[in-house]
Amino acid sequence: MQPILSLENIFFSYHNLKGETPALSNITFDIAEGEFLAIVGPSGCGKSTLLSIIAGLLKPEGGTITFNTSSSIGYMLQHDHLFEWRTIYQNAILGLELNKNMTKENTDYVLQLLNDYGLYAFKDKKPSELSGGMRQRAALIRTMAIKPDLLLLDEPFSALDFQTRMMVSADIGNIIRSTGKTAILITHDLSEAITLADRVLVLSGRPSSVKCELPIHFCIDRTSPLAIRNTTEYQTYFNLLWKELSDDFSEK
C-alpha cells in the first residue's frame, strides 16, 4: 500500500542570537493510509517540532515531505482551546466557518458527530459547563469537521487526570479507528502509545533521529484500555520501549 505521507532525511535547527540548536537530524519514515502512528522520545527531543513541520507550520532545513494524495490535515493540540463565548456546536463548526465551507452537508455532519459521540445534548452549552473529557471530544469533533485525511495529535490528553485520560484516549482512539482516519500521536506516555497505536516510532535525544520502530499487535480488540494493559503483549511492548528510552538517557 502506498504511504499517505513520506518524510525523508528531515533536518531542522532553531536559530537565535546565541547560535544554532539542532533539533531534528535525518528523520525518515512513512505512514500508511488508515494507520495510527505514535511517536515517543525523551522530553525536549523535538516531537512537537516534527508535527509542526508535517503541518507546514515550520519549514525543514533539509529533506523532503511528500503527501501522496491531496491530503488535508487536522491538528489537535495539547489543550482543547475551545472559546468560552461560543457554544459547543459553534466551537465545532469553527473550522468550517474559517474555510467558508458552511454547507448543509457539512453542518449536518457536525451534528451527526456530536450525536455519535455523546455531545448532542450539550451542543448549546458553553465549554465551562463540560467535563475535561467532554471538552476533548468536542475539540476532536472540531478537528474532524473539516474531514481531514491526516490527524495530528500533540499530547491531546496531557491535561487530564489519569483515570479520565485513560478512558478519553481510548474513546478518541476508537473514534479515529472507526472513521478510518490516518493519525500521528505525540505522547510522553508509553502506555498510551501502546494501547492506541498500530506502530510506535522512538526518537533519540536531541538532535533527534529515528532510533527504532515497533509494530503493535494484540490478540484482543482495543475497546478496553484496561484489558489491553493486562495482556502479556502489552508488558513486552512496554519493556522494549522503556529499554530504548532508558538506553538513550543513560548515554548522556
C-alpha atoms as a PDB file:
ATOM      1  CA  MET A   1       0.000   0.000   0.000  1.00  0.00           C
ATOM      2  CA  GLN A   2       1.306   3.444  -0.956  1.00  0.00           C
ATOM      3  CA  PRO A   3       2.049   5.663   2.077  1.00  0.00           C
ATOM      4  CA  ILE A   4      -0.200   8.676   2.569  1.00  0.00           C
ATOM      5  CA  LEU A   5       2.811  10.588   3.926  1.00  0.00           C
ATOM      6  CA  SER A   6       6.577  10.145   3.493  1.00  0.00           C
ATOM      7  CA  LEU A   7       9.351  12.013   5.301  1.00  0.00           C
ATOM      8  CA  GLU A   8      12.891  11.592   4.013  1.00  0.00           C
ATOM      9  CA  ASN A   9      16.075  12.899   5.662  1.00  0.00           C
ATOM     10  CA  ILE A  10      14.377  15.766   7.545  1.00  0.00           C
ATOM     11  CA  PHE A  11      16.741  18.191   9.294  1.00  0.00           C
ATOM     12  CA  PHE A  12      15.763  21.199  11.401  1.00  0.00           C
ATOM     13  CA  SER A  13      17.542  23.598  13.762  1.00  0.00           C
ATOM     14  CA  TYR A  14      16.410  26.540  15.864  1.00  0.00           C
ATOM     15  CA  HIS A  15      18.381  29.769  15.472  1.00  0.00           C
ATOM     16  CA  ASN A  16      18.817  32.719  17.804  1.00  0.00           C
ATOM     17  CA  LEU A  17      21.443  35.337  18.610  1.00  0.00           C
ATOM     18  CA  LYS A  18      23.420  32.777  20.635  1.00  0.00           C
ATOM     19  CA  GLY A  19      23.732  30.379  17.746  1.00  0.00           C
ATOM     20  CA  GLU A  20      22.136  27.244  16.361  1.00  0.00           C
ATOM     21  CA  THR A  21      20.352  24.444  18.243  1.00  0.00           C
ATOM     22  CA  PRO A  22      19.933  21.298  16.131  1.00  0.00           C
ATOM     23  CA  ALA A  23      16.520  19.711  16.772  1.00  0.00           C
ATOM     24  CA  LEU A  24      15.958  17.024  14.121  1.00  0.00           C
ATOM     25  CA  SER A  25      18.561  15.010  12.243  1.00  0.00           C
ATOM     26  CA  ASN A  26      17.885  12.758   9.260  1.00  0.00           C
ATOM     27  CA  ILE A  27      14.289  11.858  10.199  1.00  0.00           C
ATOM     28  CA  THR A  28      12.857   9.316   7.760  1.00  0.00           C
ATOM     29  CA  PHE A  29       9.573   7.402   7.994  1.00  0.00           C
ATOM     30  CA  ASP A  30       6.310   6.671   6.171  1.00  0.00           C
ATOM     31  CA  ILE A  31       2.727   6.350   7.368  1.00  0.00           C
ATOM     32  CA  ALA A  32       0.134   4.285   5.512  1.00  0.00           C
ATOM     33  CA  GLU A  33      -3.460   5.329   4.927  1.00  0.00           C
ATOM     34  CA  GLY A  34      -5.597   4.382   7.931  1.00  0.00           C
ATOM     35  CA  GLU A  35      -2.587   3.754  10.164  1.00  0.00           C
ATOM     36  CA  PHE A  36      -2.335   5.087  13.734  1.00  0.00           C
ATOM     37  CA  LEU A  37       1.289   6.027  14.447  1.00  0.00           C
ATOM     38  CA  ALA A  38       2.571   7.082  17.879  1.00  0.00           C
ATOM     39  CA  ILE A  39       5.855   8.957  18.318  1.00  0.00           C
ATOM     40  CA  VAL A  40       7.688   8.844  21.648  1.00  0.00           C
ATOM     41  CA  GLY A  41      11.051  10.127  22.780  1.00  0.00           C
ATOM     42  CA  PRO A  42      12.882  11.975  25.568  1.00  0.00           C
ATOM     43  CA  SER A  43      11.468  15.288  26.741  1.00  0.00           C
ATOM     44  CA  GLY A  44      12.614  18.132  24.509  1.00  0.00           C
ATOM     45  CA  CYS A  45      13.678  15.879  21.640  1.00  0.00           C
ATOM     46  CA  GLY A  46      11.605  17.732  19.058  1.00  0.00           C
ATOM     47  CA  LYS A  47       8.416  15.663  18.773  1.00  0.00           C
ATOM     48  CA  SER A  48       6.147  18.708  18.571  1.00  0.00           C
ATOM     49  CA  THR A  49       8.599  20.368  16.177  1.00  0.00           C
ATOM     50  CA  LEU A  50       8.224  17.374  13.895  1.00  0.00           C
ATOM     51  CA  LEU A  51       4.417  17.694  13.940  1.00  0.00           C
ATOM     52  CA  SER A  52       4.698  21.411  13.130  1.00  0.00           C
ATOM     53  CA  ILE A  53       6.860  20.567  10.125  1.00  0.00           C
ATOM     54  CA  ILE A  54       4.347  17.986   8.893  1.00  0.00           C
ATOM     55  CA  ALA A  55       1.549  20.552   9.344  1.00  0.00           C
ATOM     56  CA  GLY A  56       3.505  23.112   7.329  1.00  0.00           C
ATOM     57  CA  LEU A  57       3.915  25.490  10.257  1.00  0.00           C
ATOM     58  CA  LEU A  58       7.707  25.128  10.109  1.00  0.00           C
ATOM     59  CA  LYS A  59       9.912  24.555   7.075  1.00  0.00           C
ATOM     60  CA  PRO A  60      12.619  21.862   7.282  1.00  0.00           C
ATOM     61  CA  GLU A  61      16.189  22.921   6.546  1.00  0.00           C
ATOM     62  CA  GLY A  62      16.807  19.718   4.669  1.00  0.00           C
ATOM     63  CA  GLY A  63      14.937  16.693   3.357  1.00  0.00           C
ATOM     64  CA  THR A  64      11.576  16.209   1.705  1.00  0.00           C
ATOM     65  CA  ILE A  65       7.981  15.696   2.832  1.00  0.00           C
ATOM     66  CA  THR A  66       5.670  14.030   0.344  1.00  0.00           C
ATOM     67  CA  PHE A  67       1.896  13.739   0.583  1.00  0.00           C
ATOM     68  CA  ASN A  68       0.865  11.056  -1.847  1.00  0.00           C
ATOM     69  CA  THR A  69      -2.691  12.374  -2.070  1.00  0.00           C
ATOM     70  CA  SER A  70      -4.131  15.875  -1.852  1.00  0.00           C
ATOM     71  CA  SER A  71      -4.283  15.346   1.891  1.00  0.00           C
ATOM     72  CA  SER A  72      -5.891  17.833   4.261  1.00  0.00           C
ATOM     73  CA  ILE A  73      -4.596  17.999   7.824  1.00  0.00           C
ATOM     74  CA  GLY A  74      -6.383  18.350  11.156  1.00  0.00           C
ATOM     75  CA  TYR A  75      -4.254  19.439  14.139  1.00  0.00           C
ATOM     76  CA  MET A  76      -5.393  18.717  17.710  1.00  0.00           C
ATOM     77  CA  LEU A  77      -3.257  20.474  20.330  1.00  0.00           C
ATOM     78  CA  GLN A  78      -2.434  19.714  23.971  1.00  0.00           C
ATOM     79  CA  HIS A  79      -5.262  21.929  25.232  1.00  0.00           C
ATOM     80  CA  ASP A  80      -8.738  21.998  23.749  1.00  0.00           C
ATOM     81  CA  HIS A  81      -8.679  25.788  23.086  1.00  0.00           C
ATOM     82  CA  LEU A  82     -12.465  25.953  22.971  1.00  0.00           C
ATOM     83  CA  PHE A  83     -13.792  29.513  23.006  1.00  0.00           C
ATOM     84  CA  GLU A  84     -15.918  30.195  26.069  1.00  0.00           C
ATOM     85  CA  TRP A  85     -18.081  32.771  24.288  1.00  0.00           C
ATOM     86  CA  ARG A  86     -19.139  30.130  21.737  1.00  0.00           C
ATOM     87  CA  THR A  87     -21.373  27.126  22.339  1.00  0.00           C
ATOM     88  CA  ILE A  88     -20.044  23.607  21.813  1.00  0.00           C
ATOM     89  CA  TYR A  89     -21.732  23.478  18.402  1.00  0.00           C
ATOM     90  CA  GLN A  90     -20.322  26.889  17.469  1.00  0.00           C
ATOM     91  CA  ASN A  91     -16.859  25.716  18.510  1.00  0.00           C
ATOM     92  CA  ALA A  92     -17.264  22.535  16.475  1.00  0.00           C
ATOM     93  CA  ILE A  93     -18.065  24.431  13.259  1.00  0.00           C
ATOM     94  CA  LEU A  94     -15.253  26.978  13.668  1.00  0.00           C
ATOM     95  CA  GLY A  95     -13.052  25.352  11.013  1.00  0.00           C
ATOM     96  CA  LEU A  96     -15.938  25.274   8.566  1.00  0.00           C
ATOM     97  CA  GLU A  97     -16.563  28.977   9.152  1.00  0.00           C
ATOM     98  CA  LEU A  98     -12.892  29.882   8.653  1.00  0.00           C
ATOM     99  CA  ASN A  99     -12.746  27.833   5.457  1.00  0.00           C
ATOM    100  CA  LYS A 100     -16.051  29.341   4.270  1.00  0.00           C
ATOM    101  CA  ASN A 101     -17.426  25.843   3.905  1.00  0.00           C
ATOM    102  CA  MET A 102     -20.675  26.077   5.879  1.00  0.00           C
ATOM    103  CA  THR A 103     -22.752  23.825   3.639  1.00  0.00           C
ATOM    104  CA  LYS A 104     -25.776  21.948   4.970  1.00  0.00           C
ATOM    105  CA  GLU A 105     -23.944  18.688   4.308  1.00  0.00           C
ATOM    106  CA  ASN A 106     -21.025  19.767   6.496  1.00  0.00           C
ATOM    107  CA  THR A 107     -23.116  21.194   9.342  1.00  0.00           C
ATOM    108  CA  ASP A 108     -25.272  18.049   9.323  1.00  0.00           C
ATOM    109  CA  TYR A 109     -22.034  16.041   9.575  1.00  0.00           C
ATOM    110  CA  VAL A 110     -21.021  18.013  12.670  1.00  0.00           C
ATOM    111  CA  LEU A 111     -24.416  17.411  14.274  1.00  0.00           C
ATOM    112  CA  GLN A 112     -24.051  13.706  13.492  1.00  0.00           C
ATOM    113  CA  LEU A 113     -20.611  13.628  15.124  1.00  0.00           C
ATOM    114  CA  LEU A 114     -21.990  15.372  18.207  1.00  0.00           C
ATOM    115  CA  ASN A 115     -24.759  12.787  18.361  1.00  0.00           C
ATOM    116  CA  ASP A 116     -22.477   9.804  17.756  1.00  0.00           C
ATOM    117  CA  TYR A 117     -20.042  10.818  20.467  1.00  0.00           C
ATOM    118  CA  GLY A 118     -22.457  11.790  23.214  1.00  0.00           C
ATOM    119  CA  LEU A 119     -22.352  15.579  22.963  1.00  0.00           C
ATOM    120  CA  TYR A 120     -25.559  16.406  21.076  1.00  0.00           C
ATOM    121  CA  ALA A 121     -27.452  17.140  24.303  1.00  0.00           C
ATOM    122  CA  PHE A 122     -24.665  19.598  25.222  1.00  0.00           C
ATOM    123  CA  LYS A 123     -24.346  21.337  21.854  1.00  0.00           C
ATOM    124  CA  ASP A 124     -25.812  24.589  23.216  1.00  0.00           C
ATOM    125  CA  LYS A 125     -23.704  24.564  26.378  1.00  0.00           C
ATOM    126  CA  LYS A 126     -20.565  26.617  26.938  1.00  0.00           C
ATOM    127  CA  PRO A 127     -17.193  24.819  27.324  1.00  0.00           C
ATOM    128  CA  SER A 128     -17.017  25.586  31.066  1.00  0.00           C
ATOM    129  CA  GLU A 129     -20.177  23.531  31.558  1.00  0.00           C
ATOM    130  CA  LEU A 130     -18.498  20.344  30.267  1.00  0.00           C
ATOM    131  CA  SER A 131     -16.019  17.960  31.880  1.00  0.00           C
ATOM    132  CA  GLY A 132     -12.429  17.794  30.633  1.00  0.00           C
ATOM    133  CA  GLY A 133     -13.101  14.577  28.744  1.00  0.00           C
ATOM    134  CA  MET A 134     -16.168  16.015  27.033  1.00  0.00           C
ATOM    135  CA  ARG A 135     -14.216  19.115  26.038  1.00  0.00           C
ATOM    136  CA  GLN A 136     -11.561  16.930  24.413  1.00  0.00           C
ATOM    137  CA  ARG A 137     -14.216  15.079  22.434  1.00  0.00           C
ATOM    138  CA  ALA A 138     -15.610  18.453  21.339  1.00  0.00           C
ATOM    139  CA  ALA A 139     -12.110  19.512  20.250  1.00  0.00           C
ATOM    140  CA  LEU A 140     -11.760  16.297  18.241  1.00  0.00           C
ATOM    141  CA  ILE A 141     -15.136  16.887  16.558  1.00  0.00           C
ATOM    142  CA  ARG A 142     -13.993  20.411  15.644  1.00  0.00           C
ATOM    143  CA  THR A 143     -10.861  18.886  14.119  1.00  0.00           C
ATOM    144  CA  MET A 144     -12.803  16.192  12.248  1.00  0.00           C
ATOM    145  CA  ALA A 145     -15.475  18.608  10.989  1.00  0.00           C
ATOM    146  CA  ILE A 146     -13.240  19.658   8.101  1.00  0.00           C
ATOM    147  CA  LYS A 147     -12.885  15.969   7.139  1.00  0.00           C
ATOM    148  CA  PRO A 148      -9.079  15.822   7.257  1.00  0.00           C
ATOM    149  CA  ASP A 149      -7.204  12.923   5.694  1.00  0.00           C
ATOM    150  CA  LEU A 150      -4.492  13.115   8.362  1.00  0.00           C
ATOM    151  CA  LEU A 151      -4.944  13.859  12.074  1.00  0.00           C
ATOM    152  CA  LEU A 152      -2.016  15.266  14.061  1.00  0.00           C
ATOM    153  CA  LEU A 153      -2.445  14.814  17.824  1.00  0.00           C
ATOM    154  CA  ASP A 154       0.020  16.704  20.021  1.00  0.00           C
ATOM    155  CA  GLU A 155      -0.394  15.194  23.507  1.00  0.00           C
ATOM    156  CA  PRO A 156      -4.145  15.924  23.498  1.00  0.00           C
ATOM    157  CA  PHE A 157      -4.778  14.090  26.798  1.00  0.00           C
ATOM    158  CA  SER A 158      -1.915  15.505  28.888  1.00  0.00           C
ATOM    159  CA  ALA A 159      -4.117  17.973  30.819  1.00  0.00           C
ATOM    160  CA  LEU A 160      -6.482  15.239  32.070  1.00  0.00           C
ATOM    161  CA  ASP A 161      -6.231  13.252  35.294  1.00  0.00           C
ATOM    162  CA  PHE A 162      -5.048   9.628  34.978  1.00  0.00           C
ATOM    163  CA  GLN A 163      -8.421   7.875  35.001  1.00  0.00           C
ATOM    164  CA  THR A 164     -10.067  10.385  32.658  1.00  0.00           C
ATOM    165  CA  ARG A 165      -7.011  10.332  30.401  1.00  0.00           C
ATOM    166  CA  MET A 166      -7.104   6.551  30.056  1.00  0.00           C
ATOM    167  CA  MET A 167     -10.811   6.465  29.225  1.00  0.00           C
ATOM    168  CA  VAL A 168     -10.850   9.521  26.928  1.00  0.00           C
ATOM    169  CA  SER A 169      -7.753   8.396  24.998  1.00  0.00           C
ATOM    170  CA  ALA A 170      -9.393   5.005  24.400  1.00  0.00           C
ATOM    171  CA  ASP A 171     -12.642   6.728  23.414  1.00  0.00           C
ATOM    172  CA  ILE A 172     -10.944   9.040  20.932  1.00  0.00           C
ATOM    173  CA  GLY A 173      -8.756   6.195  19.644  1.00  0.00           C
ATOM    174  CA  ASN A 174     -11.907   4.200  18.904  1.00  0.00           C
ATOM    175  CA  ILE A 175     -13.460   7.194  17.143  1.00  0.00           C
ATOM    176  CA  ILE A 176     -10.407   7.607  14.915  1.00  0.00           C
ATOM    177  CA  ARG A 177     -10.273   3.894  14.087  1.00  0.00           C
ATOM    178  CA  SER A 178     -13.996   3.671  13.355  1.00  0.00           C
ATOM    179  CA  THR A 179     -13.705   6.513  10.823  1.00  0.00           C
ATOM    180  CA  GLY A 180     -10.591   5.016   9.206  1.00  0.00           C
ATOM    181  CA  LYS A 181      -8.577   8.189   9.701  1.00  0.00           C
ATOM    182  CA  THR A 182      -4.794   8.273   9.474  1.00  0.00           C
ATOM    183  CA  ALA A 183      -3.325   9.665  12.704  1.00  0.00           C
ATOM    184  CA  ILE A 184       0.013  10.629  14.236  1.00  0.00           C
ATOM    185  CA  LEU A 185       0.071  10.925  18.030  1.00  0.00           C
ATOM    186  CA  ILE A 186       2.822  12.620  20.021  1.00  0.00           C
ATOM    187  CA  THR A 187       2.933  11.408  23.617  1.00  0.00           C
ATOM    188  CA  HIS A 188       5.216  11.008  26.626  1.00  0.00           C
ATOM    189  CA  ASP A 189       3.022   8.166  27.899  1.00  0.00           C
ATOM    190  CA  LEU A 190       4.306   4.757  26.752  1.00  0.00           C
ATOM    191  CA  SER A 191       1.094   3.050  27.892  1.00  0.00           C
ATOM    192  CA  GLU A 192      -0.943   5.447  25.785  1.00  0.00           C
ATOM    193  CA  ALA A 193       1.250   4.826  22.744  1.00  0.00           C
ATOM    194  CA  ILE A 194       0.975   1.050  23.094  1.00  0.00           C
ATOM    195  CA  THR A 195      -2.782   0.924  23.654  1.00  0.00           C
ATOM    196  CA  LEU A 196      -3.624   3.303  20.779  1.00  0.00           C
ATOM    197  CA  ALA A 197      -1.049   2.837  18.032  1.00  0.00           C
ATOM    198  CA  ASP A 198      -0.522   0.360  15.224  1.00  0.00           C
ATOM    199  CA  ARG A 199       3.158   1.301  15.295  1.00  0.00           C
ATOM    200  CA  VAL A 200       5.374   3.246  17.693  1.00  0.00           C
ATOM    201  CA  LEU A 201       8.299   5.339  16.473  1.00  0.00           C
ATOM    202  CA  VAL A 202      11.042   6.031  19.033  1.00  0.00           C
ATOM    203  CA  LEU A 203      13.097   9.200  18.640  1.00  0.00           C
ATOM    204  CA  SER A 204      16.550   9.647  20.162  1.00  0.00           C
ATOM    205  CA  GLY A 205      17.621  12.631  22.234  1.00  0.00           C
ATOM    206  CA  ARG A 206      18.248  15.962  20.517  1.00  0.00           C
ATOM    207  CA  PRO A 207      19.157  16.278  17.741  1.00  0.00           C
ATOM    208  CA  SER A 208      16.529  13.604  17.196  1.00  0.00           C
ATOM    209  CA  SER A 209      16.772  10.750  14.770  1.00  0.00           C
ATOM    210  CA  VAL A 210      14.587   7.666  14.435  1.00  0.00           C
ATOM    211  CA  LYS A 211      16.057   5.202  16.898  1.00  0.00           C
ATOM    212  CA  CYS A 212      13.683   2.307  16.190  1.00  0.00           C
ATOM    213  CA  GLU A 213      10.098   1.485  15.330  1.00  0.00           C
ATOM    214  CA  LEU A 214       7.874  -1.131  16.923  1.00  0.00           C
ATOM    215  CA  PRO A 215       4.755  -2.621  15.255  1.00  0.00           C
ATOM    216  CA  ILE A 216       1.954  -3.206  17.799  1.00  0.00           C
ATOM    217  CA  HIS A 217      -0.412  -6.186  17.590  1.00  0.00           C
ATOM    218  CA  PHE A 218      -2.889  -7.541  20.140  1.00  0.00           C
ATOM    219  CA  CYS A 219      -4.995 -10.702  20.139  1.00  0.00           C
ATOM    220  CA  ILE A 220      -7.918  -8.743  21.625  1.00  0.00           C
ATOM    221  CA  ASP A 221      -9.697  -5.613  20.398  1.00  0.00           C
ATOM    222  CA  ARG A 222      -8.725  -2.213  21.761  1.00  0.00           C
ATOM    223  CA  THR A 223     -12.034  -1.013  23.140  1.00  0.00           C
ATOM    224  CA  SER A 224     -10.892  -1.598  26.738  1.00  0.00           C
ATOM    225  CA  PRO A 225      -7.568   0.014  27.722  1.00  0.00           C
ATOM    226  CA  LEU A 226      -7.549  -1.920  30.999  1.00  0.00           C
ATOM    227  CA  ALA A 227      -7.928  -5.264  29.206  1.00  0.00           C
ATOM    228  CA  ILE A 228      -5.057  -4.372  26.889  1.00  0.00           C
ATOM    229  CA  ARG A 229      -2.797  -3.436  29.810  1.00  0.00           C
ATOM    230  CA  ASN A 230      -3.400  -6.853  31.350  1.00  0.00           C
ATOM    231  CA  THR A 231      -2.069  -8.744  28.322  1.00  0.00           C
ATOM    232  CA  THR A 232       1.410 -10.263  28.056  1.00  0.00           C
ATOM    233  CA  GLU A 233       1.895  -8.447  24.734  1.00  0.00           C
ATOM    234  CA  TYR A 234       1.406  -5.097  26.444  1.00  0.00           C
ATOM    235  CA  GLN A 235       4.090  -5.813  29.038  1.00  0.00           C
ATOM    236  CA  THR A 236       6.509  -6.984  26.344  1.00  0.00           C
ATOM    237  CA  TYR A 237       5.987  -3.817  24.300  1.00  0.00           C
ATOM    238  CA  PHE A 238       6.293  -1.613  27.373  1.00  0.00           C
ATOM    239  CA  ASN A 239       9.596  -3.220  28.386  1.00  0.00           C
ATOM    240  CA  LEU A 240      11.016  -2.865  24.869  1.00  0.00           C
ATOM    241  CA  LEU A 241      10.097   0.816  24.646  1.00  0.00           C
ATOM    242  CA  TRP A 242      11.288   1.532  28.180  1.00  0.00           C
ATOM    243  CA  LYS A 243      14.668  -0.041  27.363  1.00  0.00           C
ATOM    244  CA  GLU A 244      15.059   2.075  24.225  1.00  0.00           C
ATOM    245  CA  LEU A 245      14.308   5.291  26.107  1.00  0.00           C
ATOM    246  CA  SER A 246      16.372   4.298  29.146  1.00  0.00           C
ATOM    247  CA  ASP A 247      19.370   3.461  26.956  1.00  0.00           C
ATOM    248  CA  ASP A 248      19.145   6.874  25.343  1.00  0.00           C
ATOM    249  CA  PHE A 249      19.022   8.565  28.764  1.00  0.00           C
ATOM    250  CA  SER A 250      21.988   6.550  30.105  1.00  0.00           C
ATOM    251  CA  GLU A 251      24.144   7.556  27.120  1.00  0.00           C
ATOM    252  CA  LYS A 252      24.040  11.228  28.196  1.00  0.00           C
END
